[in-house]
Amino acid sequence: MKRVLLVALALLSNAALAEEAVGASGSGNVNLMKAAFYFLAVGLAAFGGTTAQSRAAVAALEGIARNPGATDKIMTPMILSLALMESLVIFTLISVFLI
């Protein structure tokens, strides 16, 4: 996972350098590359969000399985954390369309 993030960051920095090198000429290839990397960022955010959500759900369900009486105390924080994780993915999606 760390390698994927490092490669994505390297590619994004190369796209930014290519845009600076082209300057204000408005090359279509640079805009296409920029759009591709924005959607790559959304994909990485979705992958990271779903991975984190699945790990949180697994931990909560294991806790409930070990102590069924603690269901109320476990369920509310789990749902809150899942909502916050999902909001980060949604913010990434929105930022792609705003930039």
PDB file of N, CA and C in Angstrom:
ATOM      1  N   MET A   1       0.827  -1.191   0.000  1.00  0.00           N
ATOM      2  CA  MET A   1       0.000   0.000   0.000  1.00  0.00           C
ATOM      3  C   MET A   1       0.871   1.254   0.000  1.00  0.00           C
ATOM      4  N   LYS A   2       1.956   1.229   0.774  1.00  0.00           N
ATOM      5  CA  LYS A   2       2.831   2.398   0.812  1.00  0.00           C
ATOM      6  C   LYS A   2       3.478   2.648  -0.536  1.00  0.00           C
ATOM      7  N   ARG A   3       3.825   1.568  -1.233  1.00  0.00           N
ATOM      8  CA  ARG A   3       4.425   1.731  -2.558  1.00  0.00           C
ATOM      9  C   ARG A   3       3.447   2.367  -3.527  1.00  0.00           C
ATOM     10  N   VAL A   4       2.197   1.955  -3.461  1.00  0.00           N
ATOM     11  CA  VAL A   4       1.176   2.510  -4.353  1.00  0.00           C
ATOM     12  C   VAL A   4       1.029   4.003  -4.105  1.00  0.00           C
ATOM     13  N   LEU A   5       1.001   4.399  -2.830  1.00  0.00           N
ATOM     14  CA  LEU A   5       0.869   5.816  -2.511  1.00  0.00           C
ATOM     15  C   LEU A   5       2.089   6.612  -2.963  1.00  0.00           C
ATOM     16  N   LEU A   6       3.283   6.045  -2.786  1.00  0.00           N
ATOM     17  CA  LEU A   6       4.494   6.741  -3.224  1.00  0.00           C
ATOM     18  C   LEU A   6       4.529   6.897  -4.739  1.00  0.00           C
ATOM     19  N   VAL A   7       4.125   5.879  -5.453  1.00  0.00           N
ATOM     20  CA  VAL A   7       4.086   5.963  -6.918  1.00  0.00           C
ATOM     21  C   VAL A   7       3.059   7.002  -7.357  1.00  0.00           C
ATOM     22  N   ALA A   8       1.894   7.011  -6.713  1.00  0.00           N
ATOM     23  CA  ALA A   8       0.863   7.986  -7.073  1.00  0.00           C
ATOM     24  C   ALA A   8       1.341   9.411  -6.798  1.00  0.00           C
ATOM     25  N   LEU A   9       1.997   9.616  -5.670  1.00  0.00           N
ATOM     26  CA  LEU A   9       2.515  10.953  -5.369  1.00  0.00           C
ATOM     27  C   LEU A   9       3.601  11.369  -6.358  1.00  0.00           C
ATOM     28  N   ALA A  10       4.450  10.437  -6.747  1.00  0.00           N
ATOM     29  CA  ALA A  10       5.476  10.755  -7.737  1.00  0.00           C
ATOM     30  C   ALA A  10       4.852  11.120  -9.074  1.00  0.00           C
ATOM     31  N   LEU A  11       3.831  10.393  -9.482  1.00  0.00           N
ATOM     32  CA  LEU A  11       3.166  10.697 -10.744  1.00  0.00           C
ATOM     33  C   LEU A  11       2.452  12.045 -10.693  1.00  0.00           C
ATOM     34  N   LEU A  12       1.831  12.345  -9.562  1.00  0.00           N
ATOM     35  CA  LEU A  12       1.157  13.636  -9.426  1.00  0.00           C
ATOM     36  C   LEU A  12       2.157  14.783  -9.458  1.00  0.00           C
ATOM     37  N   SER A  13       3.304  14.608  -8.825  1.00  0.00           N
ATOM     38  CA  SER A  13       4.308  15.674  -8.851  1.00  0.00           C
ATOM     39  C   SER A  13       4.854  15.846 -10.261  1.00  0.00           C
ATOM     40  N   ASN A  14       5.015  14.750 -11.004  1.00  0.00           N
ATOM     41  CA  ASN A  14       5.456  14.865 -12.394  1.00  0.00           C
ATOM     42  C   ASN A  14       4.426  15.591 -13.239  1.00  0.00           C
ATOM     43  N   ALA A  15       3.153  15.355 -12.980  1.00  0.00           N
ATOM     44  CA  ALA A  15       2.107  16.057 -13.720  1.00  0.00           C
ATOM     45  C   ALA A  15       2.148  17.549 -13.424  1.00  0.00           C
ATOM     46  N   ALA A  16       2.391  17.906 -12.167  1.00  0.00           N
ATOM     47  CA  ALA A  16       2.477  19.323 -11.807  1.00  0.00           C
ATOM     48  C   ALA A  16       3.689  19.976 -12.453  1.00  0.00           C
ATOM     49  N   LEU A  17       4.829  19.264 -12.495  1.00  0.00           N
ATOM     50  CA  LEU A  17       6.021  19.813 -13.145  1.00  0.00           C
ATOM     51  C   LEU A  17       5.815  19.953 -14.648  1.00  0.00           C
ATOM     52  N   ALA A  18       5.116  19.014 -15.253  1.00  0.00           N
ATOM     53  CA  ALA A  18       4.849  19.101 -16.686  1.00  0.00           C
ATOM     54  C   ALA A  18       3.962  20.303 -16.993  1.00  0.00           C
ATOM     55  N   GLU A  19       3.015  20.574 -16.115  1.00  0.00           N
ATOM     56  CA  GLU A  19       2.141  21.728 -16.339  1.00  0.00           C
ATOM     57  C   GLU A  19       2.922  23.030 -16.215  1.00  0.00           C
ATOM     58  N   GLU A  20       3.853  23.097 -15.265  1.00  0.00           N
ATOM     59  CA  GLU A  20       4.671  24.299 -15.133  1.00  0.00           C
ATOM     60  C   GLU A  20       5.590  24.469 -16.329  1.00  0.00           C
ATOM     61  N   ALA A  21       6.119  23.361 -16.857  1.00  0.00           N
ATOM     62  CA  ALA A  21       7.022  23.440 -17.996  1.00  0.00           C
ATOM     63  C   ALA A  21       6.289  23.933 -19.241  1.00  0.00           C
ATOM     64  N   VAL A  22       5.042  23.509 -19.409  1.00  0.00           N
ATOM     65  CA  VAL A  22       4.272  23.940 -20.571  1.00  0.00           C
ATOM     66  C   VAL A  22       3.902  25.407 -20.433  1.00  0.00           C
ATOM     67  N   GLY A  23       3.639  25.824 -19.202  1.00  0.00           N
ATOM     68  CA  GLY A  23       3.300  27.218 -18.958  1.00  0.00           C
ATOM     69  C   GLY A  23       1.856  27.516 -19.265  1.00  0.00           C
ATOM     70  N   ALA A  24       1.617  28.669 -19.823  1.00  0.00           N
ATOM     71  CA  ALA A  24       0.247  29.128 -20.055  1.00  0.00           C
ATOM     72  C   ALA A  24      -0.265  28.742 -21.438  1.00  0.00           C
ATOM     73  N   SER A  25       0.430  27.835 -22.123  1.00  0.00           N
ATOM     74  CA  SER A  25      -0.005  27.492 -23.477  1.00  0.00           C
ATOM     75  C   SER A  25      -1.288  26.675 -23.475  1.00  0.00           C
ATOM     76  N   GLY A  26      -1.631  26.052 -22.332  1.00  0.00           N
ATOM     77  CA  GLY A  26      -2.892  25.322 -22.228  1.00  0.00           C
ATOM     78  C   GLY A  26      -2.916  24.044 -23.034  1.00  0.00           C
ATOM     79  N   SER A  27      -1.876  23.261 -22.944  1.00  0.00           N
ATOM     80  CA  SER A  27      -1.801  22.018 -23.696  1.00  0.00           C
ATOM     81  C   SER A  27      -2.898  21.054 -23.257  1.00  0.00           C
ATOM     82  N   GLY A  28      -3.554  20.428 -24.203  1.00  0.00           N
ATOM     83  CA  GLY A  28      -4.619  19.483 -23.907  1.00  0.00           C
ATOM     84  C   GLY A  28      -4.102  18.217 -23.242  1.00  0.00           C
ATOM     85  N   ASN A  29      -2.865  17.808 -23.571  1.00  0.00           N
ATOM     86  CA  ASN A  29      -2.303  16.600 -22.972  1.00  0.00           C
ATOM     87  C   ASN A  29      -2.093  16.774 -21.472  1.00  0.00           C
ATOM     88  N   VAL A  30      -1.671  17.956 -21.076  1.00  0.00           N
ATOM     89  CA  VAL A  30      -1.450  18.206 -19.651  1.00  0.00           C
ATOM     90  C   VAL A  30      -2.775  18.169 -18.906  1.00  0.00           C
ATOM     91  N   ASN A  31      -3.827  18.754 -19.493  1.00  0.00           N
ATOM     92  CA  ASN A  31      -5.141  18.727 -18.849  1.00  0.00           C
ATOM     93  C   ASN A  31      -5.680  17.308 -18.764  1.00  0.00           C
ATOM     94  N   LEU A  32      -5.438  16.514 -19.795  1.00  0.00           N
ATOM     95  CA  LEU A  32      -5.871  15.127 -19.783  1.00  0.00           C
ATOM     96  C   LEU A  32      -5.122  14.334 -18.712  1.00  0.00           C
ATOM     97  N   MET A  33      -3.821  14.578 -18.601  1.00  0.00           N
ATOM     98  CA  MET A  33      -3.021  13.892 -17.599  1.00  0.00           C
ATOM     99  C   MET A  33      -3.451  14.326 -16.192  1.00  0.00           C
ATOM    100  N   LYS A  34      -3.734  15.595 -16.048  1.00  0.00           N
ATOM    101  CA  LYS A  34      -4.185  16.114 -14.749  1.00  0.00           C
ATOM    102  C   LYS A  34      -5.506  15.464 -14.339  1.00  0.00           C
ATOM    103  N   ALA A  35      -6.432  15.353 -15.274  1.00  0.00           N
ATOM    104  CA  ALA A  35      -7.723  14.723 -14.988  1.00  0.00           C
ATOM    105  C   ALA A  35      -7.540  13.251 -14.639  1.00  0.00           C
ATOM    106  N   ALA A  36      -6.644  12.581 -15.345  1.00  0.00           N
ATOM    107  CA  ALA A  36      -6.399  11.162 -15.055  1.00  0.00           C
ATOM    108  C   ALA A  36      -5.863  10.983 -13.644  1.00  0.00           C
ATOM    109  N   PHE A  37      -4.976  11.850 -13.220  1.00  0.00           N
ATOM    110  CA  PHE A  37      -4.410  11.725 -11.879  1.00  0.00           C
ATOM    111  C   PHE A  37      -5.408  12.129 -10.802  1.00  0.00           C
ATOM    112  N   TYR A  38      -6.316  13.030 -11.112  1.00  0.00           N
ATOM    113  CA  TYR A  38      -7.361  13.352 -10.149  1.00  0.00           C
ATOM    114  C   TYR A  38      -8.252  12.128  -9.910  1.00  0.00           C
ATOM    115  N   PHE A  39      -8.586  11.444 -10.985  1.00  0.00           N
ATOM    116  CA  PHE A  39      -9.409  10.252 -10.818  1.00  0.00           C
ATOM    117  C   PHE A  39      -8.631   9.111 -10.179  1.00  0.00           C
ATOM    118  N   LEU A  40      -7.326   9.082 -10.374  1.00  0.00           N
ATOM    119  CA  LEU A  40      -6.486   8.124  -9.657  1.00  0.00           C
ATOM    120  C   LEU A  40      -6.524   8.424  -8.164  1.00  0.00           C
ATOM    121  N   ALA A  41      -6.521   9.700  -7.818  1.00  0.00           N
ATOM    122  CA  ALA A  41      -6.603  10.092  -6.406  1.00  0.00           C
ATOM    123  C   ALA A  41      -7.925   9.655  -5.798  1.00  0.00           C
ATOM    124  N   VAL A  42      -9.007   9.772  -6.551  1.00  0.00           N
ATOM    125  CA  VAL A  42     -10.311   9.317  -6.049  1.00  0.00           C
ATOM    126  C   VAL A  42     -10.295   7.807  -5.844  1.00  0.00           C
ATOM    127  N   GLY A  43      -9.693   7.091  -6.774  1.00  0.00           N
ATOM    128  CA  GLY A  43      -9.600   5.649  -6.631  1.00  0.00           C
ATOM    129  C   GLY A  43      -8.795   5.239  -5.407  1.00  0.00           C
ATOM    130  N   LEU A  44      -7.681   5.927  -5.173  1.00  0.00           N
ATOM    131  CA  LEU A  44      -6.875   5.630  -3.987  1.00  0.00           C
ATOM    132  C   LEU A  44      -7.619   5.979  -2.706  1.00  0.00           C
ATOM    133  N   ALA A  45      -8.344   7.075  -2.732  1.00  0.00           N
ATOM    134  CA  ALA A  45      -9.121   7.453  -1.548  1.00  0.00           C
ATOM    135  C   ALA A  45     -10.229   6.437  -1.276  1.00  0.00           C
ATOM    136  N   ALA A  46     -10.872   5.982  -2.329  1.00  0.00           N
ATOM    137  CA  ALA A  46     -11.922   4.977  -2.154  1.00  0.00           C
ATOM    138  C   ALA A  46     -11.336   3.667  -1.645  1.00  0.00           C
ATOM    139  N   PHE A  47     -10.187   3.279  -2.175  1.00  0.00           N
ATOM    140  CA  PHE A  47      -9.543   2.046  -1.724  1.00  0.00           C
ATOM    141  C   PHE A  47      -9.132   2.158  -0.258  1.00  0.00           C
ATOM    142  N   GLY A  48      -8.527   3.281   0.108  1.00  0.00           N
ATOM    143  CA  GLY A  48      -8.125   3.471   1.504  1.00  0.00           C
ATOM    144  C   GLY A  48      -9.314   3.553   2.439  1.00  0.00           C
ATOM    145  N   GLY A  49     -10.367   4.224   1.989  1.00  0.00           N
ATOM    146  CA  GLY A  49     -11.565   4.342   2.820  1.00  0.00           C
ATOM    147  C   GLY A  49     -12.247   3.006   3.060  1.00  0.00           C
ATOM    148  N   THR A  50     -12.354   2.208   2.006  1.00  0.00           N
ATOM    149  CA  THR A  50     -13.000   0.908   2.181  1.00  0.00           C
ATOM    150  C   THR A  50     -12.145  -0.039   3.007  1.00  0.00           C
ATOM    151  N   THR A  51     -10.828   0.069   2.876  1.00  0.00           N
ATOM    152  CA  THR A  51      -9.947  -0.758   3.699  1.00  0.00           C
ATOM    153  C   THR A  51     -10.093  -0.398   5.170  1.00  0.00           C
ATOM    154  N   ALA A  52     -10.098   0.887   5.462  1.00  0.00           N
ATOM    155  CA  ALA A  52     -10.242   1.326   6.853  1.00  0.00           C
ATOM    156  C   ALA A  52     -11.612   0.962   7.411  1.00  0.00           C
ATOM    157  N   GLN A  53     -12.645   1.105   6.599  1.00  0.00           N
ATOM    158  CA  GLN A  53     -13.986   0.760   7.066  1.00  0.00           C
ATOM    159  C   GLN A  53     -14.119  -0.725   7.341  1.00  0.00           C
ATOM    160  N   SER A  54     -13.522  -1.542   6.497  1.00  0.00           N
ATOM    161  CA  SER A  54     -13.629  -2.986   6.728  1.00  0.00           C
ATOM    162  C   SER A  54     -12.869  -3.396   7.983  1.00  0.00           C
ATOM    163  N   ARG A  55     -11.725  -2.784   8.229  1.00  0.00           N
ATOM    164  CA  ARG A  55     -10.978  -3.098   9.455  1.00  0.00           C
ATOM    165  C   ARG A  55     -11.727  -2.643  10.702  1.00  0.00           C
ATOM    166  N   ALA A  56     -12.371  -1.489  10.621  1.00  0.00           N
ATOM    167  CA  ALA A  56     -13.148  -1.007  11.769  1.00  0.00           C
ATOM    168  C   ALA A  56     -14.339  -1.907  12.036  1.00  0.00           C
ATOM    169  N   ALA A  57     -15.000  -2.350  10.977  1.00  0.00           N
ATOM    170  CA  ALA A  57     -16.154  -3.239  11.148  1.00  0.00           C
ATOM    171  C   ALA A  57     -15.726  -4.590  11.714  1.00  0.00           C
ATOM    172  N   VAL A  58     -14.597  -5.106  11.248  1.00  0.00           N
ATOM    173  CA  VAL A  58     -14.105  -6.385  11.763  1.00  0.00           C
ATOM    174  C   VAL A  58     -13.792  -6.277  13.248  1.00  0.00           C
ATOM    175  N   ALA A  59     -13.117  -5.203  13.637  1.00  0.00           N
ATOM    176  CA  ALA A  59     -12.771  -5.031  15.051  1.00  0.00           C
ATOM    177  C   ALA A  59     -14.030  -4.895  15.915  1.00  0.00           C
ATOM    178  N   ALA A  60     -15.007  -4.154  15.424  1.00  0.00           N
ATOM    179  CA  ALA A  60     -16.245  -3.990  16.194  1.00  0.00           C
ATOM    180  C   ALA A  60     -17.013  -5.294  16.306  1.00  0.00           C
ATOM    181  N   LEU A  61     -17.094  -6.033  15.216  1.00  0.00           N
ATOM    182  CA  LEU A  61     -17.820  -7.300  15.262  1.00  0.00           C
ATOM    183  C   LEU A  61     -17.114  -8.337  16.135  1.00  0.00           C
ATOM    184  N   GLU A  62     -15.783  -8.310  16.147  1.00  0.00           N
ATOM    185  CA  GLU A  62     -15.064  -9.206  17.053  1.00  0.00           C
ATOM    186  C   GLU A  62     -15.328  -8.836  18.506  1.00  0.00           C
ATOM    187  N   GLY A  63     -15.377  -7.541  18.786  1.00  0.00           N
ATOM    188  CA  GLY A  63     -15.687  -7.098  20.141  1.00  0.00           C
ATOM    189  C   GLY A  63     -17.090  -7.485  20.564  1.00  0.00           C
ATOM    190  N   ILE A  64     -18.043  -7.373  19.655  1.00  0.00           N
ATOM    191  CA  ILE A  64     -19.422  -7.756  19.955  1.00  0.00           C
ATOM    192  C   ILE A  64     -19.514  -9.273  20.147  1.00  0.00           C
ATOM    193  N   ALA A  65     -18.757 -10.021  19.345  1.00  0.00           N
ATOM    194  CA  ALA A  65     -18.796 -11.482  19.467  1.00  0.00           C
ATOM    195  C   ALA A  65     -18.230 -11.940  20.810  1.00  0.00           C
ATOM    196  N   ARG A  66     -17.227 -11.228  21.297  1.00  0.00           N
ATOM    197  CA  ARG A  66     -16.633 -11.607  22.582  1.00  0.00           C
ATOM    198  C   ARG A  66     -17.497 -11.183  23.764  1.00  0.00           C
ATOM    199  N   ASN A  67     -18.175 -10.050  23.605  1.00  0.00           N
ATOM    200  CA  ASN A  67     -18.994  -9.532  24.702  1.00  0.00           C
ATOM    201  C   ASN A  67     -20.292  -8.965  24.117  1.00  0.00           C
ATOM    202  N   PRO A  68     -21.302  -9.803  23.951  1.00  0.00           N
ATOM    203  CA  PRO A  68     -22.556  -9.324  23.345  1.00  0.00           C
ATOM    204  C   PRO A  68     -23.246  -8.232  24.163  1.00  0.00           C
ATOM    205  N   GLY A  69     -22.959  -8.135  25.433  1.00  0.00           N
ATOM    206  CA  GLY A  69     -23.571  -7.102  26.258  1.00  0.00           C
ATOM    207  C   GLY A  69     -23.064  -5.703  25.953  1.00  0.00           C
ATOM    208  N   ALA A  70     -21.922  -5.620  25.285  1.00  0.00           N
ATOM    209  CA  ALA A  70     -21.341  -4.316  24.962  1.00  0.00           C
ATOM    210  C   ALA A  70     -21.736  -3.823  23.572  1.00  0.00           C
ATOM    211  N   THR A  71     -22.761  -4.404  22.996  1.00  0.00           N
ATOM    212  CA  THR A  71     -23.166  -4.042  21.633  1.00  0.00           C
ATOM    213  C   THR A  71     -23.503  -2.563  21.512  1.00  0.00           C
ATOM    214  N   ASP A  72     -24.250  -2.032  22.474  1.00  0.00           N
ATOM    215  CA  ASP A  72     -24.641  -0.617  22.406  1.00  0.00           C
ATOM    216  C   ASP A  72     -23.432   0.307  22.515  1.00  0.00           C
ATOM    217  N   LYS A  73     -22.475  -0.060  23.359  1.00  0.00           N
ATOM    218  CA  LYS A  73     -21.290   0.780  23.540  1.00  0.00           C
ATOM    219  C   LYS A  73     -20.335   0.694  22.356  1.00  0.00           C
ATOM    220  N   ILE A  74     -20.399  -0.374  21.596  1.00  0.00           N
ATOM    221  CA  ILE A  74     -19.499  -0.542  20.455  1.00  0.00           C
ATOM    222  C   ILE A  74     -20.124   0.000  19.174  1.00  0.00           C
ATOM    223  N   MET A  75     -21.421  -0.198  19.008  1.00  0.00           N
ATOM    224  CA  MET A  75     -22.079   0.120  17.747  1.00  0.00           C
ATOM    225  C   MET A  75     -22.071   1.618  17.426  1.00  0.00           C
ATOM    226  N   THR A  76     -22.364   2.454  18.383  1.00  0.00           N
ATOM    227  CA  THR A  76     -22.444   3.900  18.122  1.00  0.00           C
ATOM    228  C   THR A  76     -21.103   4.485  17.689  1.00  0.00           C
ATOM    229  N   PRO A  77     -20.001   4.230  18.419  1.00  0.00           N
ATOM    230  CA  PRO A  77     -18.717   4.756  17.927  1.00  0.00           C
ATOM    231  C   PRO A  77     -18.294   4.169  16.586  1.00  0.00           C
ATOM    232  N   MET A  78     -18.653   2.904  16.338  1.00  0.00           N
ATOM    233  CA  MET A  78     -18.298   2.306  15.054  1.00  0.00           C
ATOM    234  C   MET A  78     -19.024   3.006  13.916  1.00  0.00           C
ATOM    235  N   ILE A  79     -20.309   3.246  14.064  1.00  0.00           N
ATOM    236  CA  ILE A  79     -21.065   3.914  13.001  1.00  0.00           C
ATOM    237  C   ILE A  79     -20.559   5.337  12.801  1.00  0.00           C
ATOM    238  N   LEU A  80     -20.225   6.024  13.867  1.00  0.00           N
ATOM    239  CA  LEU A  80     -19.670   7.375  13.759  1.00  0.00           C
ATOM    240  C   LEU A  80     -18.333   7.349  13.021  1.00  0.00           C
ATOM    241  N   SER A  81     -17.480   6.412  13.356  1.00  0.00           N
ATOM    242  CA  SER A  81     -16.179   6.338  12.680  1.00  0.00           C
ATOM    243  C   SER A  81     -16.341   5.955  11.214  1.00  0.00           C
ATOM    244  N   LEU A  82     -17.275   5.079  10.902  1.00  0.00           N
ATOM    245  CA  LEU A  82     -17.526   4.728   9.501  1.00  0.00           C
ATOM    246  C   LEU A  82     -18.020   5.936   8.704  1.00  0.00           C
ATOM    247  N   ALA A  83     -18.861   6.740   9.329  1.00  0.00           N
ATOM    248  CA  ALA A  83     -19.357   7.942   8.647  1.00  0.00           C
ATOM    249  C   ALA A  83     -18.231   8.941   8.397  1.00  0.00           C
ATOM    250  N   LEU A  84     -17.326   9.078   9.359  1.00  0.00           N
ATOM    251  CA  LEU A  84     -16.200   9.996   9.170  1.00  0.00           C
ATOM    252  C   LEU A  84     -15.243   9.498   8.095  1.00  0.00           C
ATOM    253  N   MET A  85     -15.014   8.204   8.044  1.00  0.00           N
ATOM    254  CA  MET A  85     -14.156   7.643   6.990  1.00  0.00           C
ATOM    255  C   MET A  85     -14.776   7.860   5.620  1.00  0.00           C
ATOM    256  N   GLU A  86     -16.065   7.663   5.524  1.00  0.00           N
ATOM    257  CA  GLU A  86     -16.745   7.843   4.244  1.00  0.00           C
ATOM    258  C   GLU A  86     -16.742   9.314   3.830  1.00  0.00           C
ATOM    259  N   SER A  87     -16.824  10.211   4.796  1.00  0.00           N
ATOM    260  CA  SER A  87     -16.806  11.642   4.456  1.00  0.00           C
ATOM    261  C   SER A  87     -15.482  12.053   3.829  1.00  0.00           C
ATOM    262  N   LEU A  88     -14.377  11.429   4.238  1.00  0.00           N
ATOM    263  CA  LEU A  88     -13.089  11.753   3.621  1.00  0.00           C
ATOM    264  C   LEU A  88     -13.067  11.348   2.148  1.00  0.00           C
ATOM    265  N   VAL A  89     -13.660  10.226   1.833  1.00  0.00           N
ATOM    266  CA  VAL A  89     -13.736   9.796   0.435  1.00  0.00           C
ATOM    267  C   VAL A  89     -14.626  10.749  -0.361  1.00  0.00           C
ATOM    268  N   ILE A  90     -15.721  11.168   0.235  1.00  0.00           N
ATOM    269  CA  ILE A  90     -16.627  12.097  -0.455  1.00  0.00           C
ATOM    270  C   ILE A  90     -15.956  13.451  -0.658  1.00  0.00           C
ATOM    271  N   PHE A  91     -15.184  13.918   0.322  1.00  0.00           N
ATOM    272  CA  PHE A  91     -14.459  15.177   0.160  1.00  0.00           C
ATOM    273  C   PHE A  91     -13.446  15.083  -0.977  1.00  0.00           C
ATOM    274  N   THR A  92     -12.790  13.938  -1.113  1.00  0.00           N
ATOM    275  CA  THR A  92     -11.853  13.754  -2.221  1.00  0.00           C
ATOM    276  C   THR A  92     -12.588  13.800  -3.550  1.00  0.00           C
ATOM    277  N   LEU A  93     -13.736  13.153  -3.624  1.00  0.00           N
ATOM    278  CA  LEU A  93     -14.521  13.161  -4.859  1.00  0.00           C
ATOM    279  C   LEU A  93     -14.953  14.575  -5.213  1.00  0.00           C
ATOM    280  N   ILE A  94     -15.408  15.334  -4.228  1.00  0.00           N
ATOM    281  CA  ILE A  94     -15.843  16.714  -4.480  1.00  0.00           C
ATOM    282  C   ILE A  94     -14.680  17.578  -4.906  1.00  0.00           C
ATOM    283  N   SER A  95     -13.511  17.388  -4.291  1.00  0.00           N
ATOM    284  CA  SER A  95     -12.362  18.215  -4.622  1.00  0.00           C
ATOM    285  C   SER A  95     -11.893  17.977  -6.061  1.00  0.00           C
ATOM    286  N   VAL A  96     -12.107  16.791  -6.586  1.00  0.00           N
ATOM    287  CA  VAL A  96     -11.731  16.526  -7.973  1.00  0.00           C
ATOM    288  C   VAL A  96     -12.536  17.391  -8.926  1.00  0.00           C
ATOM    289  N   PHE A  97     -13.812  17.555  -8.633  1.00  0.00           N
ATOM    290  CA  PHE A  97     -14.655  18.333  -9.524  1.00  0.00           C
ATOM    291  C   PHE A  97     -14.527  19.839  -9.302  1.00  0.00           C
ATOM    292  N   LEU A  98     -13.986  20.251  -8.175  1.00  0.00           N
ATOM    293  CA  LEU A  98     -13.802  21.675  -7.910  1.00  0.00           C
ATOM    294  C   LEU A  98     -12.498  22.212  -8.469  1.00  0.00           C
ATOM    295  N   ILE A  99     -11.520  21.329  -8.681  1.00  0.00           N
ATOM    296  CA  ILE A  99     -10.202  21.792  -9.133  1.00  0.00           C
ATOM    297  C   ILE A  99     -10.147  21.863 -10.641  1.00  0.00           C
TER     298      ILE A  99
END
